[in-house]
Amino acid sequence: CPASAPFFGFMGVTSALVFANIGAAYGTAKSGVGISSMGVMNPGLVMRNIIPVVMAGGFGIFGLFFSVFIQGSINAPQNGMSKYRLF
């Protein structure tokens, strides 16, 4: 594999973590707006609408686990001094 392979591997890990947490934050914000409007219209159903907030947080944690698993599978190139040690 080329010497730049670990760099792109670590960039993949970073993008998995970043996009998962951006998506979780967006989902939490959108469901928070829904809970707020539900609290105004029908206060009795607010607790039922907590599920999307919990699911959005779960997706962020899933992204963290996924990035850790990907990071564990990145190996150093076998030939001599490489850029793997520089990152």
Protein backbone atom coordinates (compact mmCIF):
# COMPACT_ATOMS: atom_id res chain seq x y z
CA CYS A 1 0.00 0.00 0.00
CA PRO A 2 1.21 3.56 -0.56
CA ALA A 3 2.81 5.60 2.19
CA SER A 4 -0.18 7.97 2.30
CA ALA A 5 -2.66 5.17 3.13
CA PRO A 6 -2.59 5.72 6.92
CA PHE A 7 -3.29 9.42 6.40
CA PHE A 8 -6.42 8.69 4.40
CA GLY A 9 -7.40 6.00 6.90
CA PHE A 10 -7.21 8.43 9.79
CA MET A 11 -9.08 11.04 7.75
CA GLY A 12 -11.84 8.47 7.23
CA VAL A 13 -12.00 7.89 10.97
CA THR A 14 -12.17 11.63 11.58
CA SER A 15 -14.92 12.14 9.02
CA ALA A 16 -16.96 9.24 10.45
CA LEU A 17 -16.77 10.75 13.91
CA VAL A 18 -17.46 14.32 12.78
CA PHE A 19 -20.39 13.52 10.51
CA ALA A 20 -21.99 11.17 13.03
CA ASN A 21 -21.87 13.83 15.74
CA ILE A 22 -23.05 16.60 13.42
CA GLY A 23 -25.99 14.40 12.46
CA ALA A 24 -26.72 13.64 16.11
CA ALA A 25 -26.61 17.33 16.99
CA TYR A 26 -28.92 18.18 14.09
CA GLY A 27 -31.34 15.43 15.09
CA THR A 28 -31.31 16.60 18.70
CA ALA A 29 -32.02 20.18 17.62
CA LYS A 30 -34.87 19.21 15.31
CA SER A 31 -36.47 16.93 17.88
CA GLY A 32 -36.05 19.64 20.54
CA VAL A 33 -38.06 22.00 18.36
CA GLY A 34 -40.71 19.30 17.98
CA ILE A 35 -40.85 18.74 21.74
CA SER A 36 -41.18 22.47 22.32
CA SER A 37 -44.08 22.79 19.90
CA MET A 38 -45.70 19.69 21.38
CA GLY A 39 -45.37 21.21 24.86
CA VAL A 40 -47.33 24.23 23.67
CA MET A 41 -50.02 22.29 21.78
CA ASN A 42 -50.47 19.21 23.96
CA PRO A 43 -48.44 19.15 27.20
CA GLY A 44 -49.53 15.61 28.06
CA LEU A 45 -47.59 14.07 25.18
CA VAL A 46 -44.20 15.65 25.86
CA MET A 47 -42.74 12.58 27.55
CA ARG A 48 -43.70 10.41 24.59
CA ASN A 49 -41.68 12.66 22.28
CA ILE A 50 -38.41 12.22 24.22
CA ILE A 51 -37.60 9.10 22.14
CA PRO A 52 -36.11 11.02 19.14
CA VAL A 53 -33.71 12.87 21.44
CA VAL A 54 -32.48 9.59 22.92
CA MET A 55 -32.13 8.05 19.45
CA ALA A 56 -30.14 11.04 18.17
CA GLY A 57 -27.75 10.74 21.11
CA GLY A 58 -27.43 7.04 20.42
CA PHE A 59 -26.43 7.76 16.84
CA GLY A 60 -23.63 10.02 18.08
CA ILE A 61 -22.35 7.28 20.38
CA PHE A 62 -22.61 4.77 17.52
CA GLY A 63 -20.44 7.07 15.41
CA LEU A 64 -17.86 7.17 18.20
CA PHE A 65 -17.76 3.36 18.44
CA PHE A 66 -17.61 3.03 14.67
CA SER A 67 -14.65 5.41 14.42
CA VAL A 68 -12.80 3.54 17.20
CA PHE A 69 -13.33 0.23 15.39
CA ILE A 70 -12.08 1.68 12.10
CA GLN A 71 -9.05 3.22 13.82
CA GLY A 72 -8.11 -0.13 15.29
CA SER A 73 -7.93 -1.71 11.85
CA ILE A 74 -5.41 0.78 10.40
CA ASN A 75 -1.99 -0.83 10.12
CA ALA A 76 1.40 0.72 9.49
CA PRO A 77 3.01 0.07 6.10
CA GLN A 78 5.62 -2.69 6.22
CA ASN A 79 8.43 -1.00 4.29
CA GLY A 80 10.84 1.07 6.38
CA MET A 81 10.22 4.55 7.78
CA SER A 82 6.83 5.78 6.72
CA LYS A 83 4.52 8.71 7.19
CA TYR A 84 2.55 6.55 9.62
CA ARG A 85 4.84 7.67 12.44
CA LEU A 86 4.38 11.33 11.53
CA PHE A 87 0.60 11.44 12.02
